[in-house]
Amino acid sequence: MVRGHQTIDRRHNGQNWKDYADTYVIPRIGGERLQRLDEPQLLRLYGQLLAEGRVKRDGNGEMYAYWADRVAKGEAPTAREVSDACETTIHAARAAFDGTSPALFQSR
């Protein structure tokens, strides 16, 4: 890394774009390809995104249910296991609990 400059993790950046598309765009345009949208459709999509904001699903409840189920079975799931099972980021799972004590799953 060059002093004063951050490197870009292209894999992570690509995943971010996929997450944005899956969360915000695809639910609004359905199976239509983005490249096929005309100007009025794009402006409507943009207007919806501006009006409704960027709101991702709150996976804390799902993560807690998975964690509690595993604990009840005598297991001790890691943040990675919770993340993979619930299709959340590892960062969300780590933020939700520390992996050794009961989950801190709280909505923000």
PDB file of N, CA and C in Angstrom:
ATOM      1  N   MET A   1       0.846  -1.177   0.000  1.00  0.00           N
ATOM      2  CA  MET A   1       0.000   0.000   0.000  1.00  0.00           C
ATOM      3  C   MET A   1       0.887   1.233   0.000  1.00  0.00           C
ATOM      4  N   VAL A   2       0.541   2.176  -0.845  1.00  0.00           N
ATOM      5  CA  VAL A   2       1.271   3.429  -0.928  1.00  0.00           C
ATOM      6  C   VAL A   2       0.845   4.306   0.231  1.00  0.00           C
ATOM      7  N   ARG A   3       1.810   4.951   0.848  1.00  0.00           N
ATOM      8  CA  ARG A   3       1.497   5.788   2.003  1.00  0.00           C
ATOM      9  C   ARG A   3       0.462   6.850   1.635  1.00  0.00           C
ATOM     10  N   GLY A   4      -0.586   6.930   2.431  1.00  0.00           N
ATOM     11  CA  GLY A   4      -1.623   7.927   2.217  1.00  0.00           C
ATOM     12  C   GLY A   4      -2.711   7.498   1.243  1.00  0.00           C
ATOM     13  N   HIS A   5      -2.556   6.331   0.636  1.00  0.00           N
ATOM     14  CA  HIS A   5      -3.561   5.850  -0.314  1.00  0.00           C
ATOM     15  C   HIS A   5      -4.091   4.506   0.146  1.00  0.00           C
ATOM     16  N   GLN A   6      -5.378   4.330   0.001  1.00  0.00           N
ATOM     17  CA  GLN A   6      -5.974   3.058   0.356  1.00  0.00           C
ATOM     18  C   GLN A   6      -6.092   2.198  -0.895  1.00  0.00           C
ATOM     19  N   THR A   7      -5.911   0.922  -0.718  1.00  0.00           N
ATOM     20  CA  THR A   7      -6.130   0.017  -1.837  1.00  0.00           C
ATOM     21  C   THR A   7      -7.602  -0.351  -1.875  1.00  0.00           C
ATOM     22  N   ILE A   8      -8.083  -0.721  -3.027  1.00  0.00           N
ATOM     23  CA  ILE A   8      -9.479  -1.089  -3.193  1.00  0.00           C
ATOM     24  C   ILE A   8      -9.575  -2.598  -3.274  1.00  0.00           C
ATOM     25  N   ASP A   9     -10.416  -3.149  -2.443  1.00  0.00           N
ATOM     26  CA  ASP A   9     -10.681  -4.578  -2.494  1.00  0.00           C
ATOM     27  C   ASP A   9     -11.770  -4.775  -3.546  1.00  0.00           C
ATOM     28  N   ARG A  10     -11.372  -5.118  -4.760  1.00  0.00           N
ATOM     29  CA  ARG A  10     -12.317  -5.208  -5.873  1.00  0.00           C
ATOM     30  C   ARG A  10     -13.382  -6.275  -5.645  1.00  0.00           C
ATOM     31  N   ARG A  11     -13.029  -7.361  -4.988  1.00  0.00           N
ATOM     32  CA  ARG A  11     -14.004  -8.409  -4.713  1.00  0.00           C
ATOM     33  C   ARG A  11     -15.105  -7.865  -3.802  1.00  0.00           C
ATOM     34  N   HIS A  12     -14.694  -7.153  -2.767  1.00  0.00           N
ATOM     35  CA  HIS A  12     -15.660  -6.570  -1.833  1.00  0.00           C
ATOM     36  C   HIS A  12     -16.504  -5.516  -2.552  1.00  0.00           C
ATOM     37  N   ASN A  13     -15.870  -4.693  -3.368  1.00  0.00           N
ATOM     38  CA  ASN A  13     -16.581  -3.648  -4.097  1.00  0.00           C
ATOM     39  C   ASN A  13     -17.604  -4.266  -5.037  1.00  0.00           C
ATOM     40  N   GLY A  14     -17.234  -5.336  -5.729  1.00  0.00           N
ATOM     41  CA  GLY A  14     -18.178  -6.022  -6.607  1.00  0.00           C
ATOM     42  C   GLY A  14     -19.347  -6.602  -5.835  1.00  0.00           C
ATOM     43  N   GLN A  15     -19.079  -7.139  -4.655  1.00  0.00           N
ATOM     44  CA  GLN A  15     -20.152  -7.672  -3.818  1.00  0.00           C
ATOM     45  C   GLN A  15     -21.080  -6.550  -3.376  1.00  0.00           C
ATOM     46  N   ASN A  16     -20.513  -5.380  -3.071  1.00  0.00           N
ATOM     47  CA  ASN A  16     -21.354  -4.241  -2.695  1.00  0.00           C
ATOM     48  C   ASN A  16     -22.317  -3.889  -3.813  1.00  0.00           C
ATOM     49  N   TRP A  17     -21.834  -3.847  -5.050  1.00  0.00           N
ATOM     50  CA  TRP A  17     -22.694  -3.510  -6.183  1.00  0.00           C
ATOM     51  C   TRP A  17     -23.784  -4.558  -6.353  1.00  0.00           C
ATOM     52  N   LYS A  18     -23.439  -5.823  -6.179  1.00  0.00           N
ATOM     53  CA  LYS A  18     -24.438  -6.895  -6.281  1.00  0.00           C
ATOM     54  C   LYS A  18     -25.485  -6.736  -5.182  1.00  0.00           C
ATOM     55  N   ASP A  19     -25.024  -6.435  -3.962  1.00  0.00           N
ATOM     56  CA  ASP A  19     -25.950  -6.230  -2.850  1.00  0.00           C
ATOM     57  C   ASP A  19     -26.893  -5.065  -3.130  1.00  0.00           C
ATOM     58  N   TYR A  20     -26.349  -3.958  -3.664  1.00  0.00           N
ATOM     59  CA  TYR A  20     -27.182  -2.799  -3.991  1.00  0.00           C
ATOM     60  C   TYR A  20     -28.242  -3.172  -5.022  1.00  0.00           C
ATOM     61  N   ALA A  21     -27.818  -3.888  -6.061  1.00  0.00           N
ATOM     62  CA  ALA A  21     -28.764  -4.289  -7.107  1.00  0.00           C
ATOM     63  C   ALA A  21     -29.837  -5.206  -6.533  1.00  0.00           C
ATOM     64  N   ASP A  22     -29.417  -6.206  -5.751  1.00  0.00           N
ATOM     65  CA  ASP A  22     -30.377  -7.164  -5.175  1.00  0.00           C
ATOM     66  C   ASP A  22     -31.346  -6.502  -4.208  1.00  0.00           C
ATOM     67  N   THR A  23     -30.869  -5.516  -3.469  1.00  0.00           N
ATOM     68  CA  THR A  23     -31.676  -4.888  -2.431  1.00  0.00           C
ATOM     69  C   THR A  23     -32.558  -3.769  -2.942  1.00  0.00           C
ATOM     70  N   TYR A  24     -32.040  -2.949  -3.852  1.00  0.00           N
ATOM     71  CA  TYR A  24     -32.753  -1.738  -4.238  1.00  0.00           C
ATOM     72  C   TYR A  24     -33.304  -1.741  -5.654  1.00  0.00           C
ATOM     73  N   VAL A  25     -32.574  -2.268  -6.603  1.00  0.00           N
ATOM     74  CA  VAL A  25     -32.964  -2.132  -8.007  1.00  0.00           C
ATOM     75  C   VAL A  25     -33.855  -3.275  -8.476  1.00  0.00           C
ATOM     76  N   ILE A  26     -33.411  -4.504  -8.309  1.00  0.00           N
ATOM     77  CA  ILE A  26     -34.144  -5.656  -8.838  1.00  0.00           C
ATOM     78  C   ILE A  26     -35.568  -5.752  -8.286  1.00  0.00           C
ATOM     79  N   PRO A  27     -35.798  -5.489  -6.992  1.00  0.00           N
ATOM     80  CA  PRO A  27     -37.189  -5.539  -6.519  1.00  0.00           C
ATOM     81  C   PRO A  27     -38.100  -4.526  -7.224  1.00  0.00           C
ATOM     82  N   ARG A  28     -37.520  -3.456  -7.749  1.00  0.00           N
ATOM     83  CA  ARG A  28     -38.323  -2.426  -8.395  1.00  0.00           C
ATOM     84  C   ARG A  28     -38.485  -2.641  -9.897  1.00  0.00           C
ATOM     85  N   ILE A  29     -37.514  -3.280 -10.534  1.00  0.00           N
ATOM     86  CA  ILE A  29     -37.615  -3.460 -11.986  1.00  0.00           C
ATOM     87  C   ILE A  29     -37.911  -4.896 -12.374  1.00  0.00           C
ATOM     88  N   GLY A  30     -37.903  -5.801 -11.396  1.00  0.00           N
ATOM     89  CA  GLY A  30     -38.220  -7.195 -11.672  1.00  0.00           C
ATOM     90  C   GLY A  30     -37.189  -7.837 -12.582  1.00  0.00           C
ATOM     91  N   GLY A  31     -37.665  -8.611 -13.551  1.00  0.00           N
ATOM     92  CA  GLY A  31     -36.773  -9.341 -14.439  1.00  0.00           C
ATOM     93  C   GLY A  31     -36.226  -8.510 -15.584  1.00  0.00           C
ATOM     94  N   GLU A  32     -36.643  -7.258 -15.676  1.00  0.00           N
ATOM     95  CA  GLU A  32     -36.166  -6.390 -16.762  1.00  0.00           C
ATOM     96  C   GLU A  32     -34.683  -6.078 -16.583  1.00  0.00           C
ATOM     97  N   ARG A  33     -33.948  -6.125 -17.678  1.00  0.00           N
ATOM     98  CA  ARG A  33     -32.526  -5.780 -17.606  1.00  0.00           C
ATOM     99  C   ARG A  33     -32.380  -4.264 -17.510  1.00  0.00           C
ATOM    100  N   LEU A  34     -31.522  -3.805 -16.649  1.00  0.00           N
ATOM    101  CA  LEU A  34     -31.321  -2.380 -16.434  1.00  0.00           C
ATOM    102  C   LEU A  34     -30.968  -1.676 -17.741  1.00  0.00           C
ATOM    103  N   GLN A  35     -30.165  -2.328 -18.582  1.00  0.00           N
ATOM    104  CA  GLN A  35     -29.735  -1.724 -19.839  1.00  0.00           C
ATOM    105  C   GLN A  35     -30.909  -1.484 -20.792  1.00  0.00           C
ATOM    106  N   ARG A  36     -32.017  -2.175 -20.589  1.00  0.00           N
ATOM    107  CA  ARG A  36     -33.163  -2.046 -21.494  1.00  0.00           C
ATOM    108  C   ARG A  36     -34.144  -0.954 -21.053  1.00  0.00           C
ATOM    109  N   LEU A  37     -33.939  -0.402 -19.864  1.00  0.00           N
ATOM    110  CA  LEU A  37     -34.853   0.642 -19.389  1.00  0.00           C
ATOM    111  C   LEU A  37     -34.642   1.918 -20.186  1.00  0.00           C
ATOM    112  N   ASP A  38     -35.743   2.588 -20.511  1.00  0.00           N
ATOM    113  CA  ASP A  38     -35.623   3.855 -21.219  1.00  0.00           C
ATOM    114  C   ASP A  38     -35.534   4.999 -20.195  1.00  0.00           C
ATOM    115  N   GLU A  39     -35.379   6.201 -20.685  1.00  0.00           N
ATOM    116  CA  GLU A  39     -35.176   7.348 -19.802  1.00  0.00           C
ATOM    117  C   GLU A  39     -36.311   7.557 -18.800  1.00  0.00           C
ATOM    118  N   PRO A  40     -37.585   7.538 -19.218  1.00  0.00           N
ATOM    119  CA  PRO A  40     -38.662   7.719 -18.227  1.00  0.00           C
ATOM    120  C   PRO A  40     -38.656   6.637 -17.148  1.00  0.00           C
ATOM    121  N   GLN A  41     -38.357   5.390 -17.523  1.00  0.00           N
ATOM    122  CA  GLN A  41     -38.306   4.310 -16.539  1.00  0.00           C
ATOM    123  C   GLN A  41     -37.156   4.531 -15.557  1.00  0.00           C
ATOM    124  N   LEU A  42     -36.008   4.937 -16.066  1.00  0.00           N
ATOM    125  CA  LEU A  42     -34.863   5.210 -15.192  1.00  0.00           C
ATOM    126  C   LEU A  42     -35.151   6.364 -14.246  1.00  0.00           C
ATOM    127  N   LEU A  43     -35.817   7.393 -14.749  1.00  0.00           N
ATOM    128  CA  LEU A  43     -36.154   8.534 -13.893  1.00  0.00           C
ATOM    129  C   LEU A  43     -37.146   8.132 -12.809  1.00  0.00           C
ATOM    130  N   ARG A  44     -38.113   7.258 -13.149  1.00  0.00           N
ATOM    131  CA  ARG A  44     -39.048   6.748 -12.140  1.00  0.00           C
ATOM    132  C   ARG A  44     -38.314   5.944 -11.076  1.00  0.00           C
ATOM    133  N   LEU A  45     -37.410   5.059 -11.522  1.00  0.00           N
ATOM    134  CA  LEU A  45     -36.615   4.253 -10.587  1.00  0.00           C
ATOM    135  C   LEU A  45     -35.805   5.160  -9.666  1.00  0.00           C
ATOM    136  N   TYR A  46     -35.135   6.139 -10.257  1.00  0.00           N
ATOM    137  CA  TYR A  46     -34.324   7.065  -9.469  1.00  0.00           C
ATOM    138  C   TYR A  46     -35.195   7.830  -8.469  1.00  0.00           C
ATOM    139  N   GLY A  47     -36.380   8.262  -8.908  1.00  0.00           N
ATOM    140  CA  GLY A  47     -37.298   8.976  -8.018  1.00  0.00           C
ATOM    141  C   GLY A  47     -37.747   8.109  -6.853  1.00  0.00           C
ATOM    142  N   GLN A  48     -38.035   6.823  -7.141  1.00  0.00           N
ATOM    143  CA  GLN A  48     -38.419   5.900  -6.063  1.00  0.00           C
ATOM    144  C   GLN A  48     -37.288   5.728  -5.063  1.00  0.00           C
ATOM    145  N   LEU A  49     -36.073   5.564  -5.577  1.00  0.00           N
ATOM    146  CA  LEU A  49     -34.937   5.368  -4.680  1.00  0.00           C
ATOM    147  C   LEU A  49     -34.692   6.607  -3.825  1.00  0.00           C
ATOM    148  N   LEU A  50     -34.860   7.790  -4.415  1.00  0.00           N
ATOM    149  CA  LEU A  50     -34.688   9.024  -3.645  1.00  0.00           C
ATOM    150  C   LEU A  50     -35.788   9.175  -2.592  1.00  0.00           C
ATOM    151  N   ALA A  51     -37.022   8.877  -2.972  1.00  0.00           N
ATOM    152  CA  ALA A  51     -38.150   9.063  -2.059  1.00  0.00           C
ATOM    153  C   ALA A  51     -38.147   8.060  -0.915  1.00  0.00           C
ATOM    154  N   GLU A  52     -37.810   6.818  -1.219  1.00  0.00           N
ATOM    155  CA  GLU A  52     -37.899   5.767  -0.213  1.00  0.00           C
ATOM    156  C   GLU A  52     -36.604   5.573   0.554  1.00  0.00           C
ATOM    157  N   GLY A  53     -35.550   6.146   0.084  1.00  0.00           N
ATOM    158  CA  GLY A  53     -34.273   6.004   0.769  1.00  0.00           C
ATOM    159  C   GLY A  53     -33.660   4.643   0.579  1.00  0.00           C
ATOM    160  N   ARG A  54     -32.513   4.483   1.154  1.00  0.00           N
ATOM    161  CA  ARG A  54     -31.777   3.234   1.076  1.00  0.00           C
ATOM    162  C   ARG A  54     -32.003   2.470   2.351  1.00  0.00           C
ATOM    163  N   VAL A  55     -32.931   1.558   2.334  1.00  0.00           N
ATOM    164  CA  VAL A  55     -33.248   0.809   3.536  1.00  0.00           C
ATOM    165  C   VAL A  55     -33.023  -0.669   3.271  1.00  0.00           C
ATOM    166  N   LYS A  56     -32.012  -1.212   3.879  1.00  0.00           N
ATOM    167  CA  LYS A  56     -31.753  -2.639   3.747  1.00  0.00           C
ATOM    168  C   LYS A  56     -32.560  -3.394   4.785  1.00  0.00           C
ATOM    169  N   ARG A  57     -32.783  -4.646   4.504  1.00  0.00           N
ATOM    170  CA  ARG A  57     -33.512  -5.467   5.464  1.00  0.00           C
ATOM    171  C   ARG A  57     -32.714  -5.564   6.757  1.00  0.00           C
ATOM    172  N   ASP A  58     -33.414  -5.683   7.836  1.00  0.00           N
ATOM    173  CA  ASP A  58     -32.785  -5.849   9.136  1.00  0.00           C
ATOM    174  C   ASP A  58     -32.682  -7.343   9.402  1.00  0.00           C
ATOM    175  N   GLY A  59     -31.492  -7.885   9.305  1.00  0.00           N
ATOM    176  CA  GLY A  59     -31.295  -9.314   9.467  1.00  0.00           C
ATOM    177  C   GLY A  59     -31.085  -9.754  10.898  1.00  0.00           C
ATOM    178  N   ASN A  60     -31.178  -8.840  11.845  1.00  0.00           N
ATOM    179  CA  ASN A  60     -30.892  -9.199  13.235  1.00  0.00           C
ATOM    180  C   ASN A  60     -31.840 -10.263  13.771  1.00  0.00           C
ATOM    181  N   GLY A  61     -33.123 -10.142  13.465  1.00  0.00           N
ATOM    182  CA  GLY A  61     -34.086 -11.135  13.948  1.00  0.00           C
ATOM    183  C   GLY A  61     -33.799 -12.513  13.381  1.00  0.00           C
ATOM    184  N   GLU A  62     -33.482 -12.551  12.102  1.00  0.00           N
ATOM    185  CA  GLU A  62     -33.154 -13.819  11.448  1.00  0.00           C
ATOM    186  C   GLU A  62     -31.870 -14.410  12.023  1.00  0.00           C
ATOM    187  N   MET A  63     -30.870 -13.552  12.240  1.00  0.00           N
ATOM    188  CA  MET A  63     -29.608 -14.037  12.828  1.00  0.00           C
ATOM    189  C   MET A  63     -29.842 -14.558  14.239  1.00  0.00           C
ATOM    190  N   TYR A  64     -30.662 -13.837  15.012  1.00  0.00           N
ATOM    191  CA  TYR A  64     -30.929 -14.283  16.381  1.00  0.00           C
ATOM    192  C   TYR A  64     -31.645 -15.631  16.389  1.00  0.00           C
ATOM    193  N   ALA A  65     -32.649 -15.790  15.523  1.00  0.00           N
ATOM    194  CA  ALA A  65     -33.394 -17.055  15.473  1.00  0.00           C
ATOM    195  C   ALA A  65     -32.460 -18.215  15.131  1.00  0.00           C
ATOM    196  N   TYR A  66     -31.573 -18.002  14.175  1.00  0.00           N
ATOM    197  CA  TYR A  66     -30.615 -19.047  13.801  1.00  0.00           C
ATOM    198  C   TYR A  66     -29.695 -19.357  14.980  1.00  0.00           C
ATOM    199  N   TRP A  67     -29.157 -18.299  15.595  1.00  0.00           N
ATOM    200  CA  TRP A  67     -28.233 -18.456  16.721  1.00  0.00           C
ATOM    201  C   TRP A  67     -28.922 -19.193  17.881  1.00  0.00           C
ATOM    202  N   ALA A  68     -30.143 -18.753  18.227  1.00  0.00           N
ATOM    203  CA  ALA A  68     -30.867 -19.348  19.363  1.00  0.00           C
ATOM    204  C   ALA A  68     -31.174 -20.815  19.095  1.00  0.00           C
ATOM    205  N   ASP A  69     -31.547 -21.148  17.862  1.00  0.00           N
ATOM    206  CA  ASP A  69     -31.832 -22.532  17.502  1.00  0.00           C
ATOM    207  C   ASP A  69     -30.585 -23.395  17.683  1.00  0.00           C
ATOM    208  N   ARG A  70     -29.456 -22.904  17.245  1.00  0.00           N
ATOM    209  CA  ARG A  70     -28.206 -23.668  17.359  1.00  0.00           C
ATOM    210  C   ARG A  70     -27.773 -23.815  18.817  1.00  0.00           C
ATOM    211  N   VAL A  71     -27.926 -22.764  19.577  1.00  0.00           N
ATOM    212  CA  VAL A  71     -27.562 -22.817  21.001  1.00  0.00           C
ATOM    213  C   VAL A  71     -28.463 -23.807  21.725  1.00  0.00           C
ATOM    214  N   ALA A  72     -29.741 -23.813  21.375  1.00  0.00           N
ATOM    215  CA  ALA A  72     -30.675 -24.752  22.003  1.00  0.00           C
ATOM    216  C   ALA A  72     -30.296 -26.204  21.704  1.00  0.00           C
ATOM    217  N   LYS A  73     -29.609 -26.421  20.593  1.00  0.00           N
ATOM    218  CA  LYS A  73     -29.162 -27.768  20.218  1.00  0.00           C
ATOM    219  C   LYS A  73     -27.778 -28.086  20.778  1.00  0.00           C
ATOM    220  N   GLY A  74     -27.267 -27.179  21.625  1.00  0.00           N
ATOM    221  CA  GLY A  74     -25.979 -27.406  22.256  1.00  0.00           C
ATOM    222  C   GLY A  74     -24.787 -26.992  21.405  1.00  0.00           C
ATOM    223  N   GLU A  75     -25.038 -26.269  20.352  1.00  0.00           N
ATOM    224  CA  GLU A  75     -23.958 -25.810  19.480  1.00  0.00           C
ATOM    225  C   GLU A  75     -23.564 -24.384  19.856  1.00  0.00           C
ATOM    226  N   ALA A  76     -22.436 -23.951  19.342  1.00  0.00           N
ATOM    227  CA  ALA A  76     -21.968 -22.581  19.560  1.00  0.00           C
ATOM    228  C   ALA A  76     -21.579 -21.995  18.208  1.00  0.00           C
ATOM    229  N   PRO A  77     -22.557 -21.480  17.454  1.00  0.00           N
ATOM    230  CA  PRO A  77     -22.258 -20.987  16.110  1.00  0.00           C
ATOM    231  C   PRO A  77     -21.338 -19.767  16.133  1.00  0.00           C
ATOM    232  N   THR A  78     -20.459 -19.733  15.156  1.00  0.00           N
ATOM    233  CA  THR A  78     -19.571 -18.581  15.010  1.00  0.00           C
ATOM    234  C   THR A  78     -20.284 -17.495  14.216  1.00  0.00           C
ATOM    235  N   ALA A  79     -19.714 -16.311  14.234  1.00  0.00           N
ATOM    236  CA  ALA A  79     -20.274 -15.217  13.442  1.00  0.00           C
ATOM    237  C   ALA A  79     -20.294 -15.595  11.964  1.00  0.00           C
ATOM    238  N   ARG A  80     -19.283 -16.285  11.486  1.00  0.00           N
ATOM    239  CA  ARG A  80     -19.222 -16.702  10.081  1.00  0.00           C
ATOM    240  C   ARG A  80     -20.368 -17.661   9.755  1.00  0.00           C
ATOM    241  N   GLU A  81     -20.642 -18.612  10.644  1.00  0.00           N
ATOM    242  CA  GLU A  81     -21.735 -19.556  10.419  1.00  0.00           C
ATOM    243  C   GLU A  81     -23.081 -18.826  10.372  1.00  0.00           C
ATOM    244  N   VAL A  82     -23.269 -17.890  11.277  1.00  0.00           N
ATOM    245  CA  VAL A  82     -24.510 -17.114  11.308  1.00  0.00           C
ATOM    246  C   VAL A  82     -24.626 -16.295  10.023  1.00  0.00           C
ATOM    247  N   SER A  83     -23.540 -15.658   9.637  1.00  0.00           N
ATOM    248  CA  SER A  83     -23.521 -14.849   8.424  1.00  0.00           C
ATOM    249  C   SER A  83     -23.856 -15.676   7.194  1.00  0.00           C
ATOM    250  N   ASP A  84     -23.224 -16.824   7.056  1.00  0.00           N
ATOM    251  CA  ASP A  84     -23.469 -17.693   5.898  1.00  0.00           C
ATOM    252  C   ASP A  84     -24.905 -18.217   5.879  1.00  0.00           C
ATOM    253  N   ALA A  85     -25.395 -18.649   7.035  1.00  0.00           N
ATOM    254  CA  ALA A  85     -26.737 -19.226   7.109  1.00  0.00           C
ATOM    255  C   ALA A  85     -27.824 -18.196   6.820  1.00  0.00           C
ATOM    256  N   CYS A  86     -27.590 -16.963   7.237  1.00  0.00           N
ATOM    257  CA  CYS A  86     -28.611 -15.921   7.111  1.00  0.00           C
ATOM    258  C   CYS A  86     -28.366 -14.983   5.933  1.00  0.00           C
ATOM    259  N   GLU A  87     -27.307 -15.259   5.179  1.00  0.00           N
ATOM    260  CA  GLU A  87     -26.952 -14.444   4.017  1.00  0.00           C
ATOM    261  C   GLU A  87     -26.804 -12.970   4.368  1.00  0.00           C
ATOM    262  N   THR A  88     -26.077 -12.727   5.447  1.00  0.00           N
ATOM    263  CA  THR A  88     -25.736 -11.365   5.831  1.00  0.00           C
ATOM    264  C   THR A  88     -24.230 -11.209   5.680  1.00  0.00           C
ATOM    265  N   THR A  89     -23.738 -10.009   5.865  1.00  0.00           N
ATOM    266  CA  THR A  89     -22.297  -9.824   5.830  1.00  0.00           C
ATOM    267  C   THR A  89     -21.700 -10.312   7.145  1.00  0.00           C
ATOM    268  N   ILE A  90     -20.450 -10.674   7.086  1.00  0.00           N
ATOM    269  CA  ILE A  90     -19.759 -11.075   8.312  1.00  0.00           C
ATOM    270  C   ILE A  90     -19.725  -9.903   9.287  1.00  0.00           C
ATOM    271  N   HIS A  91     -19.654  -8.702   8.742  1.00  0.00           N
ATOM    272  CA  HIS A  91     -19.611  -7.508   9.595  1.00  0.00           C
ATOM    273  C   HIS A  91     -20.917  -7.350  10.375  1.00  0.00           C
ATOM    274  N   ALA A  92     -22.049  -7.632   9.721  1.00  0.00           N
ATOM    275  CA  ALA A  92     -23.336  -7.546  10.414  1.00  0.00           C
ATOM    276  C   ALA A  92     -23.419  -8.591  11.519  1.00  0.00           C
ATOM    277  N   ALA A  93     -22.949  -9.790  11.230  1.00  0.00           N
ATOM    278  CA  ALA A  93     -22.986 -10.855  12.242  1.00  0.00           C
ATOM    279  C   ALA A  93     -22.060 -10.528  13.407  1.00  0.00           C
ATOM    280  N   ARG A  94     -20.880 -10.023  13.110  1.00  0.00           N
ATOM    281  CA  ARG A  94     -19.945  -9.663  14.195  1.00  0.00           C
ATOM    282  C   ARG A  94     -20.488  -8.523  15.027  1.00  0.00           C
ATOM    283  N   ALA A  95     -21.154  -7.578  14.381  1.00  0.00           N
ATOM    284  CA  ALA A  95     -21.724  -6.450  15.116  1.00  0.00           C
ATOM    285  C   ALA A  95     -22.874  -6.900  16.004  1.00  0.00           C
ATOM    286  N   ALA A  96     -23.563  -7.972  15.602  1.00  0.00           N
ATOM    287  CA  ALA A  96     -24.724  -8.441  16.350  1.00  0.00           C
ATOM    288  C   ALA A  96     -24.341  -9.204  17.607  1.00  0.00           C
ATOM    289  N   PHE A  97     -23.219  -9.921  17.558  1.00  0.00           N
ATOM    290  CA  PHE A  97     -22.795 -10.636  18.754  1.00  0.00           C
ATOM    291  C   PHE A  97     -21.302 -10.883  18.713  1.00  0.00           C
ATOM    292  N   ASP A  98     -20.738 -11.155  19.869  1.00  0.00           N
ATOM    293  CA  ASP A  98     -19.279 -11.304  19.919  1.00  0.00           C
ATOM    294  C   ASP A  98     -18.824 -12.745  19.718  1.00  0.00           C
ATOM    295  N   GLY A  99     -19.739 -13.683  19.528  1.00  0.00           N
ATOM    296  CA  GLY A  99     -19.381 -15.056  19.217  1.00  0.00           C
ATOM    297  C   GLY A  99     -19.129 -15.951  20.411  1.00  0.00           C
ATOM    298  N   THR A 100     -18.990 -15.369  21.595  1.00  0.00           N
ATOM    299  CA  THR A 100     -18.734 -16.196  22.766  1.00  0.00           C
ATOM    300  C   THR A 100     -19.829 -16.081  23.813  1.00  0.00           C
ATOM    301  N   SER A 101     -20.508 -14.960  23.834  1.00  0.00           N
ATOM    302  CA  SER A 101     -21.567 -14.765  24.823  1.00  0.00           C
ATOM    303  C   SER A 101     -22.912 -14.676  24.106  1.00  0.00           C
ATOM    304  N   PRO A 102     -24.001 -14.672  24.843  1.00  0.00           N
ATOM    305  CA  PRO A 102     -25.303 -14.559  24.193  1.00  0.00           C
ATOM    306  C   PRO A 102     -25.352 -13.390  23.222  1.00  0.00           C
ATOM    307  N   ALA A 103     -26.119 -13.566  22.193  1.00  0.00           N
ATOM    308  CA  ALA A 103     -26.213 -12.554  21.134  1.00  0.00           C
ATOM    309  C   ALA A 103     -26.668 -11.215  21.683  1.00  0.00           C
ATOM    310  N   LEU A 104     -26.193 -10.184  21.072  1.00  0.00           N
ATOM    311  CA  LEU A 104     -26.581  -8.825  21.421  1.00  0.00           C
ATOM    312  C   LEU A 104     -27.529  -8.298  20.364  1.00  0.00           C
ATOM    313  N   PHE A 105     -28.189  -9.196  19.657  1.00  0.00           N
ATOM    314  CA  PHE A 105     -28.995  -8.832  18.495  1.00  0.00           C
ATOM    315  C   PHE A 105     -29.997  -7.743  18.871  1.00  0.00           C
ATOM    316  N   GLN A 106     -29.670  -6.537  18.498  1.00  0.00           N
ATOM    317  CA  GLN A 106     -30.552  -5.407  18.775  1.00  0.00           C
ATOM    318  C   GLN A 106     -30.678  -4.577  17.506  1.00  0.00           C
ATOM    319  N   SER A 107     -31.889  -4.172  17.206  1.00  0.00           N
ATOM    320  CA  SER A 107     -32.083  -3.284  16.048  1.00  0.00           C
ATOM    321  C   SER A 107     -31.478  -1.945  16.386  1.00  0.00           C
ATOM    322  N   ARG A 108     -30.970  -1.356  15.376  1.00  0.00           N
ATOM    323  CA  ARG A 108     -30.372  -0.026  15.562  1.00  0.00           C
ATOM    324  C   ARG A 108     -31.364   1.026  15.168  1.00  0.00           C
TER     325      ARG A 108
END
